[in-house]
C-alpha atoms as a PDB file:
ATOM      1  CA  MET A   1      27.788  13.602 -88.096  1.00  0.00           C
ATOM      2  CA  ALA A   2      28.472  13.283 -84.357  1.00  0.00           C
ATOM      3  CA  THR A   3      26.128  11.401 -82.082  1.00  0.00           C
ATOM      4  CA  ALA A   4      25.767  12.220 -78.322  1.00  0.00           C
ATOM      5  CA  THR A   5      23.615  11.479 -75.382  1.00  0.00           C
ATOM      6  CA  ALA A   6      22.074  14.390 -73.498  1.00  0.00           C
ATOM      7  CA  PRO A   7      22.297  13.791 -69.816  1.00  0.00           C
ATOM      8  CA  LYS A   8      19.153  14.356 -67.458  1.00  0.00           C
ATOM      9  CA  SER A   9      19.410  17.863 -66.244  1.00  0.00           C
ATOM     10  CA  SER A  10      18.730  19.020 -62.583  1.00  0.00           C
ATOM     11  CA  ILE A  11      17.020  22.232 -62.481  1.00  0.00           C
ATOM     12  CA  PHE A  12      16.097  21.568 -58.959  1.00  0.00           C
ATOM     13  CA  VAL A  13      17.815  19.269 -56.760  1.00  0.00           C
ATOM     14  CA  ASN A  14      16.537  15.345 -57.013  1.00  0.00           C
ATOM     15  CA  SER A  15      13.848  16.689 -59.527  1.00  0.00           C
ATOM     16  CA  VAL A  16      13.551  15.757 -63.302  1.00  0.00           C
ATOM     17  CA  PRO A  17      12.646  19.172 -64.955  1.00  0.00           C
ATOM     18  CA  THR A  18       9.846  19.895 -67.117  1.00  0.00           C
ATOM     19  CA  ASN A  19       9.007  22.365 -69.807  1.00  0.00           C
ATOM     20  CA  PHE A  20       7.345  24.514 -67.421  1.00  0.00           C
ATOM     21  CA  LEU A  21      10.220  24.453 -64.931  1.00  0.00           C
ATOM     22  CA  TRP A  22      12.724  25.286 -67.720  1.00  0.00           C
ATOM     23  CA  ALA A  23      10.770  28.330 -68.847  1.00  0.00           C
ATOM     24  CA  THR A  24      10.384  29.464 -65.213  1.00  0.00           C
ATOM     25  CA  LEU A  25      14.392  29.194 -64.933  1.00  0.00           C
ATOM     26  CA  LEU A  26      15.014  31.211 -68.064  1.00  0.00           C
ATOM     27  CA  LEU A  27      12.885  34.204 -66.939  1.00  0.00           C
ATOM     28  CA  LYS A  28      14.590  34.145 -63.541  1.00  0.00           C
ATOM     29  CA  ASN A  29      18.124  34.059 -65.369  1.00  0.00           C
ATOM     30  CA  ILE A  30      16.878  36.910 -67.537  1.00  0.00           C
ATOM     31  CA  GLY A  31      15.542  38.795 -64.549  1.00  0.00           C
ATOM     32  CA  ALA A  32      12.063  38.922 -66.140  1.00  0.00           C
ATOM     33  CA  PRO A  33       8.873  38.724 -64.143  1.00  0.00           C
ATOM     34  CA  VAL A  34       7.908  35.114 -63.542  1.00  0.00           C
ATOM     35  CA  THR A  35       4.276  35.585 -64.568  1.00  0.00           C
ATOM     36  CA  PRO A  36       2.058  32.761 -66.012  1.00  0.00           C
ATOM     37  CA  ASN A  37       1.664  35.048 -69.121  1.00  0.00           C
ATOM     38  CA  ASN A  38       5.444  35.078 -69.459  1.00  0.00           C
ATOM     39  CA  ILE A  39       5.712  31.309 -68.758  1.00  0.00           C
ATOM     40  CA  ASN A  40       3.029  30.350 -71.347  1.00  0.00           C
ATOM     41  CA  ASN A  41       4.673  32.648 -73.817  1.00  0.00           C
ATOM     42  CA  VAL A  42       7.953  31.049 -73.553  1.00  0.00           C
ATOM     43  CA  LEU A  43       6.145  27.476 -73.718  1.00  0.00           C
ATOM     44  CA  ARG A  44       4.408  28.534 -76.887  1.00  0.00           C
ATOM     45  CA  TRP A  45       7.969  29.696 -78.104  1.00  0.00           C
ATOM     46  CA  GLN A  46       9.356  26.299 -77.223  1.00  0.00           C
ATOM     47  CA  ALA A  47       6.747  24.872 -79.210  1.00  0.00           C
ATOM     48  CA  ALA A  48       7.587  26.803 -82.216  1.00  0.00           C
ATOM     49  CA  GLU A  49      11.067  25.469 -82.148  1.00  0.00           C
ATOM     50  CA  ASN A  50      10.521  21.750 -81.210  1.00  0.00           C
ATOM     51  CA  PRO A  51       7.715  19.435 -80.865  1.00  0.00           C
ATOM     52  CA  PRO A  52       6.252  19.650 -77.207  1.00  0.00           C
ATOM     53  CA  ALA A  53       6.898  15.950 -76.850  1.00  0.00           C
ATOM     54  CA  SER A  54      10.674  16.459 -77.407  1.00  0.00           C
ATOM     55  CA  TRP A  55      10.848  19.934 -76.188  1.00  0.00           C
ATOM     56  CA  TYR A  56      14.481  19.174 -74.525  1.00  0.00           C
ATOM     57  CA  ASN A  57      15.699  18.264 -77.900  1.00  0.00           C
ATOM     58  CA  ARG A  58      19.669  18.410 -77.635  1.00  0.00           C
ATOM     59  CA  ASN A  59      19.044  20.026 -74.204  1.00  0.00           C
ATOM     60  CA  ASN A  60      18.399  23.182 -76.305  1.00  0.00           C
ATOM     61  CA  PRO A  61      14.712  23.872 -76.078  1.00  0.00           C
ATOM     62  CA  LEU A  62      14.849  27.079 -77.823  1.00  0.00           C
ATOM     63  CA  ASN A  63      17.524  26.010 -80.227  1.00  0.00           C
ATOM     64  CA  ALA A  64      20.211  28.856 -78.954  1.00  0.00           C
ATOM     65  CA  SER A  65      23.756  28.554 -80.076  1.00  0.00           C
ATOM     66  CA  LEU A  66      25.700  30.615 -77.512  1.00  0.00           C
ATOM     67  CA  GLY A  67      27.993  28.377 -75.629  1.00  0.00           C
ATOM     68  CA  THR A  68      27.656  25.615 -78.360  1.00  0.00           C
ATOM     69  CA  ASN A  69      29.892  24.751 -81.272  1.00  0.00           C
ATOM     70  CA  LYS A  70      27.187  25.219 -83.650  1.00  0.00           C
ATOM     71  CA  GLY A  71      26.183  28.859 -84.882  1.00  0.00           C
ATOM     72  CA  ASP A  72      22.927  27.587 -86.471  1.00  0.00           C
ATOM     73  CA  GLY A  73      21.054  26.584 -83.301  1.00  0.00           C
ATOM     74  CA  THR A  74      21.731  22.898 -84.014  1.00  0.00           C
ATOM     75  CA  GLY A  75      24.092  22.374 -81.158  1.00  0.00           C
ATOM     76  CA  LEU A  76      23.629  20.774 -77.854  1.00  0.00           C
ATOM     77  CA  TYR A  77      24.098  21.738 -74.122  1.00  0.00           C
ATOM     78  CA  SER A  78      25.423  19.273 -71.590  1.00  0.00           C
ATOM     79  CA  ASP A  79      22.288  19.771 -69.470  1.00  0.00           C
ATOM     80  CA  LEU A  80      18.978  22.040 -69.444  1.00  0.00           C
ATOM     81  CA  THR A  81      20.276  24.114 -66.588  1.00  0.00           C
ATOM     82  CA  THR A  82      23.466  25.245 -68.694  1.00  0.00           C
ATOM     83  CA  ALA A  83      20.732  25.707 -71.680  1.00  0.00           C
ATOM     84  CA  ALA A  84      18.580  28.024 -69.482  1.00  0.00           C
ATOM     85  CA  LYS A  85      21.839  30.206 -68.418  1.00  0.00           C
ATOM     86  CA  GLU A  86      23.235  30.463 -71.978  1.00  0.00           C
ATOM     87  CA  THR A  87      19.919  30.967 -73.450  1.00  0.00           C
ATOM     88  CA  ALA A  88      19.164  34.054 -71.138  1.00  0.00           C
ATOM     89  CA  THR A  89      22.614  35.375 -71.654  1.00  0.00           C
ATOM     90  CA  MET A  90      21.932  35.340 -75.459  1.00  0.00           C
ATOM     91  CA  ILE A  91      18.410  37.152 -75.103  1.00  0.00           C
ATOM     92  CA  VAL A  92      20.383  39.725 -72.728  1.00  0.00           C
ATOM     93  CA  GLN A  93      23.017  40.233 -75.078  1.00  0.00           C
ATOM     94  CA  GLY A  94      20.436  40.952 -77.923  1.00  0.00           C
ATOM     95  CA  TYR A  95      19.378  43.699 -75.816  1.00  0.00           C
ATOM     96  CA  LYS A  96      22.654  45.103 -75.388  1.00  0.00           C
ATOM     97  CA  GLY A  97      23.421  45.219 -79.150  1.00  0.00           C
ATOM     98  CA  GLY A  98      23.758  41.644 -79.966  1.00  0.00           C
ATOM     99  CA  ALA A  99      22.716  40.076 -83.335  1.00  0.00           C
ATOM    100  CA  ILE A 100      19.127  39.006 -82.381  1.00  0.00           C
ATOM    101  CA  GLY A 101      18.121  42.476 -81.245  1.00  0.00           C
ATOM    102  CA  GLY A 102      16.378  43.730 -78.063  1.00  0.00           C
ATOM    103  CA  GLY A 103      12.737  42.998 -78.824  1.00  0.00           C
ATOM    104  CA  ILE A 104      12.492  39.542 -77.289  1.00  0.00           C
ATOM    105  CA  TYR A 105      14.334  40.881 -73.970  1.00  0.00           C
ATOM    106  CA  THR A 106      12.046  43.995 -73.709  1.00  0.00           C
ATOM    107  CA  ALA A 107       8.785  41.966 -74.372  1.00  0.00           C
ATOM    108  CA  LEU A 108       9.691  39.546 -71.566  1.00  0.00           C
ATOM    109  CA  MET A 109      10.710  42.396 -69.169  1.00  0.00           C
ATOM    110  CA  ASN A 110       7.325  44.039 -69.870  1.00  0.00           C
ATOM    111  CA  ASN A 111       5.090  40.912 -69.524  1.00  0.00           C
ATOM    112  CA  ALA A 112       3.866  41.480 -73.079  1.00  0.00           C
ATOM    113  CA  PRO A 113       0.636  39.785 -74.301  1.00  0.00           C
ATOM    114  CA  THR A 114       1.347  36.876 -76.556  1.00  0.00           C
ATOM    115  CA  ASP A 115       0.571  38.707 -79.928  1.00  0.00           C
ATOM    116  CA  GLN A 116       3.231  41.539 -79.184  1.00  0.00           C
ATOM    117  CA  PHE A 117       5.624  38.732 -77.805  1.00  0.00           C
ATOM    118  CA  SER A 118       5.163  36.915 -81.042  1.00  0.00           C
ATOM    119  CA  ILE A 119       5.733  39.864 -83.322  1.00  0.00           C
ATOM    120  CA  GLN A 120       9.289  40.612 -81.230  1.00  0.00           C
ATOM    121  CA  VAL A 121      10.301  36.992 -81.626  1.00  0.00           C
ATOM    122  CA  VAL A 122       9.452  36.561 -85.328  1.00  0.00           C
ATOM    123  CA  ASN A 123      10.842  40.020 -86.332  1.00  0.00           C
ATOM    124  CA  SER A 124      14.158  39.163 -84.654  1.00  0.00           C
ATOM    125  CA  ASN A 125      17.083  37.336 -85.986  1.00  0.00           C
ATOM    126  CA  TRP A 126      16.642  34.323 -83.588  1.00  0.00           C
ATOM    127  CA  SER A 127      15.245  32.125 -86.456  1.00  0.00           C
ATOM    128  CA  SER A 128      16.940  32.743 -89.854  1.00  0.00           C
ATOM    129  CA  ASN A 129      13.581  31.848 -91.457  1.00  0.00           C
ATOM    130  CA  HIS A 130      11.607  34.120 -89.196  1.00  0.00           C
ATOM    131  CA  TYR A 131       9.145  31.220 -88.555  1.00  0.00           C
ATOM    132  CA  GLY A 132       7.862  31.033 -92.078  1.00  0.00           C
ATOM    133  CA  VAL A 133       6.630  34.696 -92.038  1.00  0.00           C
ATOM    134  CA  ALA A 134       7.133  36.214 -95.372  1.00  0.00           C
ATOM    135  CA  ALA A 135       6.329  39.632 -94.063  1.00  0.00           C
ATOM    136  CA  ALA A 136       9.371  39.303 -91.465  1.00  0.00           C
ATOM    137  CA  GLY A 137      11.718  38.183 -94.220  1.00  0.00           C
ATOM    138  CA  SER A 138      11.422  34.413 -94.423  1.00  0.00           C
ATOM    139  CA  ASN A 139      12.813  32.840 -97.473  1.00  0.00           C
ATOM    140  CA  VAL A 140      10.577  29.576 -97.121  1.00  0.00           C
ATOM    141  CA  ALA A 141       7.234  31.288 -96.063  1.00  0.00           C
ATOM    142  CA  VAL A 142       4.163  29.528 -94.754  1.00  0.00           C
ATOM    143  CA  PRO A 143       1.072  30.947 -96.841  1.00  0.00           C
ATOM    144  CA  GLY A 144      -1.107  32.877 -94.500  1.00  0.00           C
ATOM    145  CA  ARG A 145       1.314  33.068 -91.526  1.00  0.00           C
ATOM    146  CA  GLN A 146       1.416  36.341 -89.677  1.00  0.00           C
ATOM    147  CA  ALA A 147       3.815  37.810 -87.234  1.00  0.00           C
ATOM    148  CA  THR A 148       1.411  37.162 -84.291  1.00  0.00           C
ATOM    149  CA  TRP A 149       1.671  33.450 -85.102  1.00  0.00           C
ATOM    150  CA  PHE A 150       2.371  32.519 -81.510  1.00  0.00           C
ATOM    151  CA  THR A 151      -1.326  33.299 -80.404  1.00  0.00           C
ATOM    152  CA  SER A 152      -2.399  30.213 -82.492  1.00  0.00           C
ATOM    153  CA  ILE A 153      -0.137  27.932 -80.957  1.00  0.00           C
ATOM    154  CA  PRO A 154      -1.756  26.181 -77.732  1.00  0.00           C
ATOM    155  CA  VAL A 155       0.273  26.377 -74.614  1.00  0.00           C
ATOM    156  CA  PRO A 156       1.854  22.798 -74.200  1.00  0.00           C
ATOM    157  CA  GLY A 157       1.068  20.523 -71.449  1.00  0.00           C
ATOM    158  CA  VAL A 158       3.523  19.680 -68.596  1.00  0.00           C
ATOM    159  CA  VAL A 159       6.237  17.334 -70.290  1.00  0.00           C
ATOM    160  CA  ALA A 160       9.215  16.130 -68.414  1.00  0.00           C
ATOM    161  CA  ALA A 161      12.532  15.778 -70.057  1.00  0.00           C
ATOM    162  CA  SER A 162      14.062  12.259 -70.791  1.00  0.00           C
ATOM    163  CA  ASN A 163      17.569  10.740 -71.448  1.00  0.00           C
ATOM    164  CA  ALA A 164      16.653   9.781 -74.951  1.00  0.00           C
ATOM    165  CA  ASP A 165      19.547   9.948 -77.440  1.00  0.00           C
ATOM    166  CA  VAL A 166      19.696  13.155 -79.601  1.00  0.00           C
ATOM    167  CA  ASN A 167      21.808  14.082 -82.554  1.00  0.00           C
ATOM    168  CA  GLU A 168      23.928  17.219 -82.539  1.00  0.00           C
ATOM    169  CA  GLY A 169      24.093  19.033 -85.686  1.00  0.00           C
ATOM    170  CA  THR A 170      20.543  17.836 -86.851  1.00  0.00           C
ATOM    171  CA  ALA A 171      18.377  20.417 -88.232  1.00  0.00           C
ATOM    172  CA  PRO A 172      15.791  21.732 -85.247  1.00  0.00           C
ATOM    173  CA  ALA A 173      12.669  19.900 -85.358  1.00  0.00           C
ATOM    174  CA  GLY A 174      10.730  22.818 -85.094  1.00  0.00           C
ATOM    175  CA  SER A 175      12.916  25.395 -86.853  1.00  0.00           C
ATOM    176  CA  GLY A 176       9.784  27.762 -86.763  1.00  0.00           C
ATOM    177  CA  ILE A 177       7.338  25.529 -88.504  1.00  0.00           C
ATOM    178  CA  ALA A 178       6.322  23.132 -85.883  1.00  0.00           C
ATOM    179  CA  SER A 179       2.879  22.331 -85.444  1.00  0.00           C
ATOM    180  CA  PRO A 180       2.050  21.316 -81.981  1.00  0.00           C
ATOM    181  CA  ALA A 181      -0.737  19.148 -80.763  1.00  0.00           C
ATOM    182  CA  THR A 182      -3.602  20.755 -79.184  1.00  0.00           C
ATOM    183  CA  VAL A 183      -3.299  20.421 -75.380  1.00  0.00           C
ATOM    184  CA  SER A 184      -4.647  22.052 -72.169  1.00  0.00           C
ATOM    185  CA  ALA A 185      -4.045  25.649 -71.901  1.00  0.00           C
ATOM    186  CA  ASP A 186      -3.482  25.582 -68.084  1.00  0.00           C
ATOM    187  CA  ALA A 187      -1.718  22.247 -67.445  1.00  0.00           C
ATOM    188  CA  ALA A 188       1.501  23.775 -66.845  1.00  0.00           C
ATOM    189  CA  ALA A 189       0.068  25.699 -63.691  1.00  0.00           C
ATOM    190  CA  ASN A 190       1.505  23.468 -60.712  1.00  0.00           C
ATOM    191  CA  ALA A 191       4.324  21.512 -62.516  1.00  0.00           C
ATOM    192  CA  GLY A 192       7.421  20.497 -60.401  1.00  0.00           C
ATOM    193  CA  VAL A 193       7.966  23.952 -58.322  1.00  0.00           C
ATOM    194  CA  GLN A 194       7.500  22.995 -54.674  1.00  0.00           C
ATOM    195  CA  GLY A 195       5.797  24.968 -52.022  1.00  0.00           C
ATOM    196  CA  CYS A 196       3.520  28.173 -52.349  1.00  0.00           C
ATOM    197  CA  GLU A 197       5.533  29.287 -55.514  1.00  0.00           C
ATOM    198  CA  SER A 198       3.984  26.178 -57.610  1.00  0.00           C
ATOM    199  CA  LYS A 199       0.284  27.776 -57.264  1.00  0.00           C
ATOM    200  CA  LYS A 200      -1.200  30.030 -59.799  1.00  0.00           C
ATOM    201  CA  PRO A 201      -2.090  33.357 -58.828  1.00  0.00           C
ATOM    202  CA  ILE A 202      -5.533  34.300 -57.609  1.00  0.00           C
ATOM    203  CA  ILE A 203      -6.929  37.085 -59.875  1.00  0.00           C
ATOM    204  CA  LEU A 204      -9.121  39.398 -57.643  1.00  0.00           C
ATOM    205  CA  ILE A 205     -10.204  41.832 -60.348  1.00  0.00           C
ATOM    206  CA  ASN A 206      -9.862  41.862 -63.967  1.00  0.00           C
ATOM    207  CA  THR A 207     -12.321  44.527 -65.113  1.00  0.00           C
ATOM    208  CA  LEU A 208     -10.683  45.269 -68.486  1.00  0.00           C
ATOM    209  CA  GLY A 209     -10.117  41.756 -69.863  1.00  0.00           C
ATOM    210  CA  SER A 210      -7.667  39.025 -70.008  1.00  0.00           C
ATOM    211  CA  SER A 211      -5.814  40.749 -72.778  1.00  0.00           C
ATOM    212  CA  PHE A 212      -4.873  43.680 -70.713  1.00  0.00           C
ATOM    213  CA  THR A 213      -2.548  42.301 -68.166  1.00  0.00           C
ATOM    214  CA  GLY A 214      -2.144  45.490 -66.226  1.00  0.00           C
ATOM    215  CA  ALA A 215      -5.833  45.523 -65.323  1.00  0.00           C
ATOM    216  CA  LYS A 216      -5.350  42.244 -63.201  1.00  0.00           C
ATOM    217  CA  LEU A 217      -4.907  42.512 -59.429  1.00  0.00           C
ATOM    218  CA  GLN A 218      -3.684  39.375 -58.556  1.00  0.00           C
ATOM    219  CA  ILE A 219      -2.540  37.697 -55.078  1.00  0.00           C
ATOM    220  CA  THR A 220      -0.239  34.871 -54.769  1.00  0.00           C
ATOM    221  CA  ALA A 221      -0.236  31.699 -52.818  1.00  0.00           C
ATOM    222  CA  CYS A 222       2.956  32.916 -50.864  1.00  0.00           C
ATOM    223  CA  GLN A 223       1.431  36.342 -50.191  1.00  0.00           C
ATOM    224  CA  ILE A 224      -1.733  34.664 -48.733  1.00  0.00           C
ATOM    225  CA  LYS A 225       0.697  32.272 -46.680  1.00  0.00           C
ATOM    226  CA  ALA A 226       2.211  35.491 -45.365  1.00  0.00           C
ATOM    227  CA  MET A 227      -0.750  37.410 -44.620  1.00  0.00           C
ATOM    228  CA  GLY A 228      -1.962  34.190 -42.684  1.00  0.00           C
ATOM    229  CA  GLY A 229       1.262  34.280 -40.701  1.00  0.00           C
ATOM    230  CA  GLY A 230       0.752  38.060 -39.757  1.00  0.00           C
ATOM    231  CA  LEU A 231      -2.912  37.433 -38.688  1.00  0.00           C
ATOM    232  CA  ALA A 232      -1.699  34.616 -36.475  1.00  0.00           C
ATOM    233  CA  VAL A 233       0.694  36.856 -34.758  1.00  0.00           C
ATOM    234  CA  PHE A 234      -1.806  39.558 -34.434  1.00  0.00           C
ATOM    235  CA  PHE A 235      -4.152  37.632 -32.641  1.00  0.00           C
ATOM    236  CA  GLY A 236      -1.670  35.691 -30.677  1.00  0.00           C
ATOM    237  CA  GLY A 237      -0.346  38.965 -29.255  1.00  0.00           C
ATOM    238  CA  GLY A 238      -3.829  40.056 -28.614  1.00  0.00           C
ATOM    239  CA  LEU A 239      -4.508  36.950 -26.519  1.00  0.00           C
ATOM    240  CA  MET A 240      -1.294  37.186 -24.741  1.00  0.00           C
ATOM    241  CA  LEU A 241      -2.107  41.067 -23.663  1.00  0.00           C
ATOM    242  CA  GLY A 242      -5.508  39.717 -22.452  1.00  0.00           C
ATOM    243  CA  GLY A 243      -3.847  37.165 -20.361  1.00  0.00           C
ATOM    244  CA  LEU A 244      -1.315  39.525 -18.949  1.00  0.00           C
ATOM    245  CA  PHE A 245      -4.227  41.872 -17.968  1.00  0.00           C
ATOM    246  CA  MET A 246      -6.090  39.012 -16.131  1.00  0.00           C
ATOM    247  CA  LEU A 247      -3.049  38.021 -14.140  1.00  0.00           C
ATOM    248  CA  SER A 248      -2.332  41.342 -13.016  1.00  0.00           C
ATOM    249  CA  SER A 249      -5.512  41.895 -11.815  1.00  0.00           C
ATOM    250  CA  ALA A 250      -5.628  38.571  -9.954  1.00  0.00           C
ATOM    251  CA  PHE A 251      -2.005  39.467  -8.505  1.00  0.00           C
ATOM    252  CA  ALA A 252      -3.281  42.895  -7.262  1.00  0.00           C
ATOM    253  CA  LYS A 253      -5.982  41.150  -4.988  1.00  0.00           C
ATOM    254  CA  SER A 254      -3.696  38.427  -3.680  1.00  0.00           C
ATOM    255  CA  ALA A 255      -1.932  38.506  -0.315  1.00  0.00           C
ATOM    256  CA  ILE A 256       1.416  39.167  -1.866  1.00  0.00           C
ATOM    257  CA  GLY A 257       0.086  41.907  -4.056  1.00  0.00           C
ATOM    258  CA  LYS A 258      -1.263  43.609  -0.735  1.00  0.00           C
ATOM    259  CA  GLN A 259       2.140  43.114   0.752  1.00  0.00           C
ATOM    260  CA  LEU A 260       3.946  44.953  -2.357  1.00  0.00           C
ATOM    261  CA  ALA A 261       1.520  47.677  -2.328  1.00  0.00           C
ATOM    262  CA  PRO A 262       3.850  50.181   0.101  1.00  0.00           C
ATOM    263  CA  VAL A 263       6.671  50.118  -2.513  1.00  0.00           C
ATOM    264  CA  ALA A 264       4.443  52.275  -5.021  1.00  0.00           C
ATOM    265  CA  GLY A 265       6.051  55.294  -3.584  1.00  0.00           C
ATOM    266  CA  VAL A 266       9.578  54.006  -3.727  1.00  0.00           C
ATOM    267  CA  LEU A 267       9.637  52.336  -7.097  1.00  0.00           C
ATOM    268  CA  GLY A 268       9.637  54.390 -10.349  1.00  0.00           C
ATOM    269  CA  GLY A 269       9.043  53.765 -14.058  1.00  0.00           C
ATOM    270  CA  ALA A 270       6.920  50.671 -14.774  1.00  0.00           C
ATOM    271  CA  PRO A 271       7.339  48.645 -11.671  1.00  0.00           C
ATOM    272  CA  GLY A 272       6.348  51.821  -9.761  1.00  0.00           C
ATOM    273  CA  LYS A 273       3.176  51.829 -11.852  1.00  0.00           C
ATOM    274  CA  VAL A 274       2.541  48.127 -10.991  1.00  0.00           C
ATOM    275  CA  ALA A 275       3.197  48.710  -7.381  1.00  0.00           C
ATOM    276  CA  SER A 276       0.767  52.096  -7.495  1.00  0.00           C
ATOM    277  CA  ALA A 277      -1.910  50.040  -9.088  1.00  0.00           C
ATOM    278  CA  VAL A 278      -1.585  47.215  -6.330  1.00  0.00           C
ATOM    279  CA  SER A 279      -1.403  50.006  -3.666  1.00  0.00           C
ATOM    280  CA  TYR A 280      -4.882  51.712  -5.022  1.00  0.00           C
ATOM    281  CA  SER A 281      -6.280  48.388  -5.081  1.00  0.00           C
ATOM    282  CA  SER A 282      -5.544  47.606  -1.396  1.00  0.00           C
ATOM    283  CA  ARG A 283      -6.359  51.274  -0.149  1.00  0.00           C
ATOM    284  CA  ASN A 284      -9.553  50.991  -1.873  1.00  0.00           C
ATOM    285  CA  GLU A 285     -10.433  47.707  -0.145  1.00  0.00           C
ATOM    286  CA  ARG A 286      -9.413  48.930   3.259  1.00  0.00           C
ATOM    287  CA  GLN A 287     -11.642  51.963   2.684  1.00  0.00           C
ATOM    288  CA  VAL A 288     -14.695  49.768   1.879  1.00  0.00           C
ATOM    289  CA  ASN A 289     -13.899  47.643   4.842  1.00  0.00           C
ATOM    290  CA  LYS A 290     -13.775  50.803   7.226  1.00  0.00           C
ATOM    291  CA  GLN A 291     -16.809  52.152   5.829  1.00  0.00           C
ATOM    292  CA  ASN A 292     -18.745  49.041   6.359  1.00  0.00           C
ATOM    293  CA  LYS A 293     -17.664  48.766  10.077  1.00  0.00           C
ATOM    294  CA  LYS A 294     -18.683  52.255  10.516  1.00  0.00           C
ATOM    295  CA  THR A 295     -22.165  51.511   9.068  1.00  0.00           C
ATOM    296  CA  ASP A 296     -22.403  48.439  11.529  1.00  0.00           C
ATOM    297  CA  ARG A 297     -21.515  50.692  14.606  1.00  0.00           C
ATOM    298  CA  SER A 298     -24.082  53.338  13.744  1.00  0.00           C
ATOM    299  CA  ARG A 299     -26.830  50.452  13.024  1.00  0.00           C
ATOM    300  CA  ALA A 300     -26.309  49.064  16.333  1.00  0.00           C
ATOM    301  CA  LYS A 301     -26.180  52.463  18.232  1.00  0.00           C
ATOM    302  CA  ASN A 302     -29.594  53.267  16.679  1.00  0.00           C
ATOM    303  CA  GLU A 303     -31.086  50.129  17.708  1.00  0.00           C
ATOM    304  CA  TYR A 304     -29.809  50.543  21.197  1.00  0.00           C
ATOM    305  CA  GLU A 305     -31.506  54.088  21.489  1.00  0.00           C
ATOM    306  CA  SER A 306     -34.630  52.787  19.805  1.00  0.00           C
ATOM    307  CA  ASN A 307     -34.702  50.058  22.575  1.00  0.00           C
ATOM    308  CA  ARG A 308     -33.923  52.234  25.469  1.00  0.00           C
ATOM    309  CA  GLU A 309     -36.852  54.592  24.534  1.00  0.00           C
ATOM    310  CA  PHE A 310     -39.325  51.706  24.436  1.00  0.00           C
ATOM    311  CA  ILE A 311     -38.530  50.791  27.885  1.00  0.00           C
ATOM    312  CA  LYS A 312     -38.918  54.127  29.262  1.00  0.00           C
ATOM    313  CA  GLY A 313     -42.145  54.110  27.743  1.00  0.00           C
ATOM    314  CA  GLU A 314     -43.479  51.239  29.413  1.00  0.00           C
END
């Protein structure tokens, strides 16, 4: 029996991968929606294949065979990134007529709830023992186990891969009958991925219950970030327009603005409109000054006439 050392994988540059990151990369390689539900389903599937503490066993989290020299799921991959690529290809090939069948691919593409995802995996040919479910054709059945078994597997917590030695050709630790320890169901939410993609979506509306995924109205951290940027641009534009208006008003009242007023009749388009506004402001100011002077002359004349009549009367 050959012995090999599994190198540390780098799903993301300079980052030690976790089971959460590997599940995310698998879904991206398949082209399936990267949702909390899909990620949790893949994490449960990992736990059904290998104990959560050694999910990275042989760099082969789901005990796939494509791209290895073993056809029974006991082969190893050079790294976890390669494992995610080959495992995804195997799932897609099943949908295209491959031996495992298309149920797993269809369930992931439809973001199926855990019970439906479990039924598709258990009834597929991924595990020759069908995870110990007699009704699915298991030869070594676990008493009482149903095709919806994955619903009873807690979502594993975040576990980083290690450089521990692993043995090629050994029986998979899980092989469909693993009993994962109870851990937090939400611990995988913010592991490893950097930036807004690492945050869990916020559920705004869930009127029909968590079991009906389609009824949820969710918003992601990236969407919130984008909306915040849009609002900043909107209010920034408003402030800029307000500043331009105040600047144009001050310019119209300035000495330079009054000197430019006569060009209103010469210029066309936007410059002409600006000049027209300046011209109107200048004409209006001259008319007011003219009216004030006329009023002052009339008042002075009236006072003169009054004084004259008064002198005559004496």
